[in-house]
C-alpha atoms as a PDB file:
ATOM      1  CA  MET A   1       3.802 -44.143 -15.704  1.00  0.00           C
ATOM      2  CA  GLU A   2       4.543 -42.125 -18.940  1.00  0.00           C
ATOM      3  CA  SER A   3       8.046 -40.519 -19.142  1.00  0.00           C
ATOM      4  CA  LEU A   4       8.247 -36.772 -18.704  1.00  0.00           C
ATOM      5  CA  GLU A   5       9.072 -36.340 -22.327  1.00  0.00           C
ATOM      6  CA  ALA A   6       5.992 -38.325 -23.332  1.00  0.00           C
ATOM      7  CA  GLU A   7       3.877 -36.150 -21.124  1.00  0.00           C
ATOM      8  CA  LEU A   8       5.534 -32.974 -22.605  1.00  0.00           C
ATOM      9  CA  GLU A   9       4.542 -34.118 -26.080  1.00  0.00           C
ATOM     10  CA  ARG A  10       1.017 -34.509 -24.731  1.00  0.00           C
ATOM     11  CA  ALA A  11       0.946 -31.193 -23.342  1.00  0.00           C
ATOM     12  CA  ARG A  12       2.346 -29.617 -26.541  1.00  0.00           C
ATOM     13  CA  GLY A  13      -0.449 -31.346 -28.261  1.00  0.00           C
ATOM     14  CA  LEU A  14      -3.295 -30.106 -26.091  1.00  0.00           C
ATOM     15  CA  ASP A  15      -6.143 -28.496 -28.174  1.00  0.00           C
ATOM     16  CA  VAL A  16      -6.659 -24.912 -26.930  1.00  0.00           C
ATOM     17  CA  ALA A  17     -10.174 -24.844 -28.450  1.00  0.00           C
ATOM     18  CA  GLU A  18     -11.128 -28.075 -26.452  1.00  0.00           C
ATOM     19  CA  ILE A  19      -9.792 -26.490 -23.193  1.00  0.00           C
ATOM     20  CA  ALA A  20     -11.643 -23.309 -23.959  1.00  0.00           C
ATOM     21  CA  ASP A  21     -14.885 -25.310 -24.464  1.00  0.00           C
ATOM     22  CA  ALA A  22     -14.460 -26.837 -20.971  1.00  0.00           C
ATOM     23  CA  ILE A  23     -13.771 -23.416 -19.412  1.00  0.00           C
ATOM     24  CA  GLU A  24     -16.676 -21.875 -21.272  1.00  0.00           C
ATOM     25  CA  SER A  25     -18.923 -24.800 -20.226  1.00  0.00           C
ATOM     26  CA  ILE A  26     -18.460 -24.017 -16.375  1.00  0.00           C
ATOM     27  CA  GLY A  27     -17.811 -20.279 -16.791  1.00  0.00           C
ATOM     28  CA  PHE A  28     -15.491 -18.083 -14.732  1.00  0.00           C
ATOM     29  CA  GLU A  29     -14.931 -14.446 -13.828  1.00  0.00           C
ATOM     30  CA  CYS A  30     -12.486 -13.274 -11.112  1.00  0.00           C
ATOM     31  CA  THR A  31     -14.304 -11.564  -8.373  1.00  0.00           C
ATOM     32  CA  ARG A  32     -11.169 -10.154  -6.763  1.00  0.00           C
ATOM     33  CA  CYS A  33     -12.024 -11.830  -3.536  1.00  0.00           C
ATOM     34  CA  GLY A  34      -8.203 -12.351  -2.749  1.00  0.00           C
ATOM     35  CA  ALA A  35      -8.635 -16.029  -1.625  1.00  0.00           C
ATOM     36  CA  CYS A  36      -6.046 -17.367  -4.134  1.00  0.00           C
ATOM     37  CA  CYS A  37      -3.572 -14.697  -3.040  1.00  0.00           C
ATOM     38  CA  THR A  38      -3.815 -14.993   0.736  1.00  0.00           C
ATOM     39  CA  ARG A  39      -2.866 -17.407   3.381  1.00  0.00           C
ATOM     40  CA  GLU A  40      -5.313 -20.270   4.019  1.00  0.00           C
ATOM     41  CA  ALA A  41      -5.939 -21.022   7.646  1.00  0.00           C
ATOM     42  CA  GLU A  42      -2.560 -21.535   9.269  1.00  0.00           C
ATOM     43  CA  ASP A  43      -0.765 -22.161   5.980  1.00  0.00           C
ATOM     44  CA  PRO A  44       0.880 -19.201   4.242  1.00  0.00           C
ATOM     45  CA  HIS A  45       0.189 -18.576   0.646  1.00  0.00           C
ATOM     46  CA  THR A  46       2.005 -21.014  -1.783  1.00  0.00           C
ATOM     47  CA  ALA A  47       2.156 -20.599  -5.545  1.00  0.00           C
ATOM     48  CA  THR A  48       4.945 -21.956  -7.739  1.00  0.00           C
ATOM     49  CA  VAL A  49       7.031 -19.677 -10.004  1.00  0.00           C
ATOM     50  CA  PHE A  50       9.556 -20.506 -12.689  1.00  0.00           C
ATOM     51  CA  PRO A  51      13.056 -19.094 -12.419  1.00  0.00           C
ATOM     52  CA  ASP A  52      12.629 -16.942 -15.481  1.00  0.00           C
ATOM     53  CA  GLU A  53       9.349 -15.526 -14.026  1.00  0.00           C
ATOM     54  CA  VAL A  54      11.336 -14.611 -10.874  1.00  0.00           C
ATOM     55  CA  ARG A  55      13.694 -12.592 -13.072  1.00  0.00           C
ATOM     56  CA  GLU A  56      10.834 -10.940 -14.851  1.00  0.00           C
ATOM     57  CA  LEU A  57       9.581  -9.657 -11.547  1.00  0.00           C
ATOM     58  CA  GLU A  58      12.914  -8.393 -10.289  1.00  0.00           C
ATOM     59  CA  SER A  59      13.650  -4.730 -10.590  1.00  0.00           C
ATOM     60  CA  GLU A  60      16.160  -2.128  -9.194  1.00  0.00           C
ATOM     61  CA  ASP A  61      14.530  -2.261  -5.807  1.00  0.00           C
ATOM     62  CA  ARG A  62      13.263  -5.809  -5.843  1.00  0.00           C
ATOM     63  CA  GLN A  63      15.750  -8.636  -5.596  1.00  0.00           C
ATOM     64  CA  TRP A  64      15.368 -12.448  -6.125  1.00  0.00           C
ATOM     65  CA  ASN A  65      14.355 -13.217  -2.452  1.00  0.00           C
ATOM     66  CA  ASP A  66      11.828 -10.294  -2.485  1.00  0.00           C
ATOM     67  CA  VAL A  67      10.020 -12.125  -5.369  1.00  0.00           C
ATOM     68  CA  ALA A  68      10.437 -15.739  -4.429  1.00  0.00           C
ATOM     69  CA  ARG A  69      11.329 -18.080  -1.626  1.00  0.00           C
ATOM     70  CA  PRO A  70      12.257 -21.826  -1.645  1.00  0.00           C
ATOM     71  CA  MET A  71       9.197 -23.986  -1.837  1.00  0.00           C
ATOM     72  CA  PRO A  72       8.592 -24.849   1.947  1.00  0.00           C
ATOM     73  CA  TYR A  73       7.634 -28.561   1.354  1.00  0.00           C
ATOM     74  CA  GLY A  74      10.719 -30.559   2.176  1.00  0.00           C
ATOM     75  CA  LEU A  75      12.297 -27.876   4.431  1.00  0.00           C
ATOM     76  CA  ASP A  76      12.608 -27.918   8.205  1.00  0.00           C
ATOM     77  CA  ASP A  77      12.823 -24.510   9.608  1.00  0.00           C
ATOM     78  CA  GLY A  78      14.022 -23.214   6.230  1.00  0.00           C
ATOM     79  CA  GLU A  79      16.704 -25.729   5.780  1.00  0.00           C
ATOM     80  CA  GLY A  80      16.756 -28.793   3.557  1.00  0.00           C
ATOM     81  CA  GLN A  81      16.249 -29.529  -0.129  1.00  0.00           C
ATOM     82  CA  THR A  82      13.331 -28.640  -2.401  1.00  0.00           C
ATOM     83  CA  PHE A  83      12.775 -28.513  -6.072  1.00  0.00           C
ATOM     84  CA  GLU A  84      10.545 -25.432  -6.743  1.00  0.00           C
ATOM     85  CA  TRP A  85      10.261 -21.706  -5.906  1.00  0.00           C
ATOM     86  CA  ALA A  86       7.200 -20.218  -4.495  1.00  0.00           C
ATOM     87  CA  LEU A  87       6.194 -16.586  -4.580  1.00  0.00           C
ATOM     88  CA  GLN A  88       7.324 -14.623  -1.528  1.00  0.00           C
ATOM     89  CA  THR A  89       4.882 -13.954   1.311  1.00  0.00           C
ATOM     90  CA  ASP A  90       4.531 -10.932   3.498  1.00  0.00           C
ATOM     91  CA  ALA A  91       4.392 -10.931   7.511  1.00  0.00           C
ATOM     92  CA  CYS A  92       0.732 -12.124   7.220  1.00  0.00           C
ATOM     93  CA  GLY A  93       1.507 -15.054   4.965  1.00  0.00           C
ATOM     94  CA  ASP A  94      -0.200 -13.456   1.975  1.00  0.00           C
ATOM     95  CA  CYS A  95       1.439 -13.139  -1.471  1.00  0.00           C
ATOM     96  CA  VAL A  96       3.797 -10.082  -1.284  1.00  0.00           C
ATOM     97  CA  PHE A  97       2.287  -8.662  -4.404  1.00  0.00           C
ATOM     98  CA  TYR A  98      -1.400  -8.754  -3.092  1.00  0.00           C
ATOM     99  CA  GLU A  99      -3.068  -5.501  -2.217  1.00  0.00           C
ATOM    100  CA  GLU A 100      -6.606  -4.970  -0.949  1.00  0.00           C
ATOM    101  CA  SER A 101      -8.650  -1.825  -0.703  1.00  0.00           C
ATOM    102  CA  GLU A 102     -12.133  -1.749   0.831  1.00  0.00           C
ATOM    103  CA  GLY A 103     -12.359  -5.539   0.647  1.00  0.00           C
ATOM    104  CA  VAL A 104     -11.417  -5.666  -3.112  1.00  0.00           C
ATOM    105  CA  GLY A 105      -8.176  -7.415  -4.067  1.00  0.00           C
ATOM    106  CA  ALA A 106      -5.486  -6.462  -6.614  1.00  0.00           C
ATOM    107  CA  CYS A 107      -2.260  -7.662  -7.738  1.00  0.00           C
ATOM    108  CA  SER A 108       0.550  -5.022  -7.971  1.00  0.00           C
ATOM    109  CA  VAL A 109       2.240  -6.856 -10.745  1.00  0.00           C
ATOM    110  CA  HIS A 110      -0.898  -8.015 -12.598  1.00  0.00           C
ATOM    111  CA  GLU A 111       0.558  -7.570 -16.064  1.00  0.00           C
ATOM    112  CA  ASP A 112       3.669  -9.707 -15.211  1.00  0.00           C
ATOM    113  CA  ARG A 113       1.973 -12.125 -12.904  1.00  0.00           C
ATOM    114  CA  PRO A 114       3.214 -15.858 -13.241  1.00  0.00           C
ATOM    115  CA  LEU A 115       1.369 -18.419 -15.148  1.00  0.00           C
ATOM    116  CA  ILE A 116      -0.041 -20.150 -11.993  1.00  0.00           C
ATOM    117  CA  CYS A 117      -1.813 -16.973 -11.175  1.00  0.00           C
ATOM    118  CA  ARG A 118      -3.029 -16.342 -14.851  1.00  0.00           C
ATOM    119  CA  THR A 119      -4.581 -19.753 -14.851  1.00  0.00           C
ATOM    120  CA  TYR A 120      -6.170 -20.170 -11.550  1.00  0.00           C
ATOM    121  CA  PRO A 121      -8.610 -21.700 -10.737  1.00  0.00           C
ATOM    122  CA  PHE A 122      -7.875 -24.245 -13.649  1.00  0.00           C
ATOM    123  CA  SER A 123      -5.201 -26.932 -14.215  1.00  0.00           C
ATOM    124  CA  VAL A 124      -4.789 -29.894 -16.466  1.00  0.00           C
ATOM    125  CA  ALA A 125      -4.257 -33.315 -15.396  1.00  0.00           C
ATOM    126  CA  LEU A 126      -0.930 -34.535 -16.824  1.00  0.00           C
ATOM    127  CA  ALA A 127       1.428 -36.601 -14.954  1.00  0.00           C
ATOM    128  CA  GLY A 128       4.823 -34.956 -14.059  1.00  0.00           C
ATOM    129  CA  THR A 129       3.440 -31.551 -13.464  1.00  0.00           C
ATOM    130  CA  SER A 130       3.024 -30.003  -9.970  1.00  0.00           C
ATOM    131  CA  GLN A 131      -0.315 -28.610 -10.966  1.00  0.00           C
ATOM    132  CA  PRO A 132      -2.775 -29.282  -8.240  1.00  0.00           C
ATOM    133  CA  MET A 133      -5.743 -31.342  -8.971  1.00  0.00           C
ATOM    134  CA  GLY A 134      -9.653 -30.183  -8.805  1.00  0.00           C
ATOM    135  CA  GLU A 135     -12.883 -31.367 -10.041  1.00  0.00           C
ATOM    136  CA  ALA A 136     -13.198 -32.358 -13.664  1.00  0.00           C
ATOM    137  CA  VAL A 137     -15.021 -30.080 -16.036  1.00  0.00           C
ATOM    138  CA  ASP A 138     -14.700 -31.969 -19.233  1.00  0.00           C
ATOM    139  CA  SER A 139     -15.651 -35.562 -20.259  1.00  0.00           C
ATOM    140  CA  GLU A 140     -12.030 -36.655 -20.576  1.00  0.00           C
ATOM    141  CA  GLY A 141     -11.196 -35.467 -16.977  1.00  0.00           C
ATOM    142  CA  MET A 142      -8.274 -33.398 -18.531  1.00  0.00           C
ATOM    143  CA  VAL A 143      -9.315 -29.984 -17.357  1.00  0.00           C
ATOM    144  CA  ARG A 144      -9.849 -29.334 -13.679  1.00  0.00           C
ATOM    145  CA  ALA A 145     -11.230 -26.628 -11.726  1.00  0.00           C
ATOM    146  CA  HIS A 146     -10.517 -25.833  -8.072  1.00  0.00           C
ATOM    147  CA  GLU A 147     -13.000 -24.304  -5.507  1.00  0.00           C
ATOM    148  CA  CYS A 148     -13.397 -20.655  -6.324  1.00  0.00           C
ATOM    149  CA  GLU A 149     -16.370 -18.288  -5.962  1.00  0.00           C
ATOM    150  CA  GLY A 150     -15.732 -17.003  -9.492  1.00  0.00           C
ATOM    151  CA  LEU A 151     -16.768 -20.263 -11.105  1.00  0.00           C
ATOM    152  CA  GLY A 152     -20.254 -20.459 -12.838  1.00  0.00           C
ATOM    153  CA  ARG A 153     -20.098 -16.788 -14.069  1.00  0.00           C
ATOM    154  CA  ASP A 154     -20.281 -15.952 -17.632  1.00  0.00           C
ATOM    155  CA  ILE A 155     -17.020 -15.757 -19.628  1.00  0.00           C
ATOM    156  CA  SER A 156     -16.654 -14.738 -23.191  1.00  0.00           C
ATOM    157  CA  ARG A 157     -15.178 -17.096 -25.858  1.00  0.00           C
ATOM    158  CA  GLU A 158     -12.232 -14.809 -26.195  1.00  0.00           C
ATOM    159  CA  GLU A 159     -11.595 -14.786 -22.508  1.00  0.00           C
ATOM    160  CA  ALA A 160     -11.960 -18.656 -22.369  1.00  0.00           C
ATOM    161  CA  GLU A 161      -9.511 -19.071 -25.142  1.00  0.00           C
ATOM    162  CA  ASP A 162      -6.886 -16.727 -23.617  1.00  0.00           C
ATOM    163  CA  LEU A 163      -7.314 -18.640 -20.331  1.00  0.00           C
ATOM    164  CA  ALA A 164      -6.972 -21.848 -22.327  1.00  0.00           C
ATOM    165  CA  GLY A 165      -3.828 -20.794 -23.983  1.00  0.00           C
ATOM    166  CA  ALA A 166      -2.057 -19.874 -20.796  1.00  0.00           C
ATOM    167  CA  LEU A 167      -3.237 -23.155 -19.269  1.00  0.00           C
ATOM    168  CA  LYS A 168      -1.486 -25.044 -22.109  1.00  0.00           C
ATOM    169  CA  GLU A 169       1.507 -22.927 -21.726  1.00  0.00           C
ATOM    170  CA  ARG A 170       1.757 -23.638 -18.039  1.00  0.00           C
ATOM    171  CA  ALA A 171       1.351 -27.331 -18.620  1.00  0.00           C
ATOM    172  CA  VAL A 172       4.208 -27.280 -21.161  1.00  0.00           C
ATOM    173  CA  ARG A 173       6.417 -25.084 -18.963  1.00  0.00           C
ATOM    174  CA  GLU A 174       5.742 -27.338 -15.810  1.00  0.00           C
ATOM    175  CA  LEU A 175       6.990 -30.340 -17.701  1.00  0.00           C
ATOM    176  CA  GLU A 176       9.989 -28.618 -19.292  1.00  0.00           C
ATOM    177  CA  GLU A 177      10.926 -27.440 -15.795  1.00  0.00           C
ATOM    178  CA  ALA A 178      10.611 -30.932 -14.461  1.00  0.00           C
ATOM    179  CA  ILE A 179      13.027 -32.137 -17.167  1.00  0.00           C
ATOM    180  CA  GLY A 180      15.347 -29.448 -16.540  1.00  0.00           C
ATOM    181  CA  VAL A 181      15.463 -30.262 -12.871  1.00  0.00           C
ATOM    182  CA  ARG A 182      16.336 -33.884 -13.742  1.00  0.00           C
ATOM    183  CA  GLU A 183      19.064 -32.971 -16.330  1.00  0.00           C
ATOM    184  CA  ASN A 184      20.569 -30.411 -14.278  1.00  0.00           C
ATOM    185  CA  TYR A 185      20.438 -32.083 -10.896  1.00  0.00           C
ATOM    186  CA  ARG A 186      23.925 -32.069  -9.104  1.00  0.00           C
ATOM    187  CA  PRO A 187      23.842 -32.857  -5.361  1.00  0.00           C
ATOM    188  CA  VAL A 188      25.476 -30.219  -3.204  1.00  0.00           C
ATOM    189  CA  ASP A 189      26.181 -29.939   0.490  1.00  0.00           C
ATOM    190  CA  GLU A 190      24.513 -26.703   1.573  1.00  0.00           C
ATOM    191  CA  PRO A 191      22.015 -25.900   4.388  1.00  0.00           C
ATOM    192  CA  THR A 192      19.316 -24.939   1.895  1.00  0.00           C
ATOM    193  CA  VAL A 193      19.197 -25.852  -1.711  1.00  0.00           C
ATOM    194  CA  VAL A 194      16.668 -25.336  -4.402  1.00  0.00           C
ATOM    195  CA  TYR A 195      17.224 -27.699  -7.400  1.00  0.00           C
ATOM    196  CA  ASP A 196      15.285 -25.841 -10.199  1.00  0.00           C
ATOM    197  CA  SER A 197      15.847 -26.377 -14.082  1.00  0.00           C
ATOM    198  CA  GLU A 198      19.134 -24.189 -14.090  1.00  0.00           C
ATOM    199  CA  GLY A 199      20.886 -26.184 -11.333  1.00  0.00           C
ATOM    200  CA  PRO A 200      21.219 -25.955  -7.515  1.00  0.00           C
ATOM    201  CA  LYS A 201      20.715 -22.445  -6.090  1.00  0.00           C
ATOM    202  CA  ARG A 202      20.905 -20.891  -2.606  1.00  0.00           C
ATOM    203  CA  SER A 203      17.615 -19.568  -1.090  1.00  0.00           C
ATOM    204  CA  ASP A 204      18.522 -16.052  -2.383  1.00  0.00           C
ATOM    205  CA  GLY A 205      18.604 -17.394  -5.971  1.00  0.00           C
ATOM    206  CA  ARG A 206      22.365 -17.379  -6.360  1.00  0.00           C
ATOM    207  CA  GLU A 207      23.777 -20.327  -8.238  1.00  0.00           C
ATOM    208  CA  ILE A 208      25.744 -22.849  -6.305  1.00  0.00           C
ATOM    209  CA  ARG A 209      28.776 -23.471  -8.455  1.00  0.00           C
ATOM    210  CA  GLY A 210      30.860 -26.731  -8.572  1.00  0.00           C
ATOM    211  CA  GLU A 211      34.188 -27.051  -6.939  1.00  0.00           C
END
């Protein structure tokens, strides 16, 4: 397997025009169905978010744990160790920022939404990222598309290139985060720990400082 650094260089070298070609070939338009923002069956909505993206969504009335929660994978009844943050959910298990009116979904922080939301339903197939895999939409199998009712709809070249640029940025950021987690890992004895690229944190985002 390639090192994270080698994969990061691959991500930085991705051709936005080629990614846009793949996106344009299958087509996409968000139908605002809300499927990517709401719980799936018994599983609450789960979308990864970077530490700096959490801070961008914080406000005078919105603290860290109003925005994000420890990624539940690896936790048992909320306790344990994990290596990512997930967007916070409401009592129904939907993204806390999801709003719906007469069956039409909307994001209350649309302009500041995280990269994973900006790029859905697409991802790129690079080792070392936490991006989920889907069906290949290009001959190289690099660009993947996940099941979404918006696929197959017309998309302009400008929109395809904007989406491709965000997809490349997300791939780079995923790998930078993974490298940061590795470099700043410091085991701590706490009931719940999130090891992100900035070091170990408690579930409310507070840094766990060394003795």
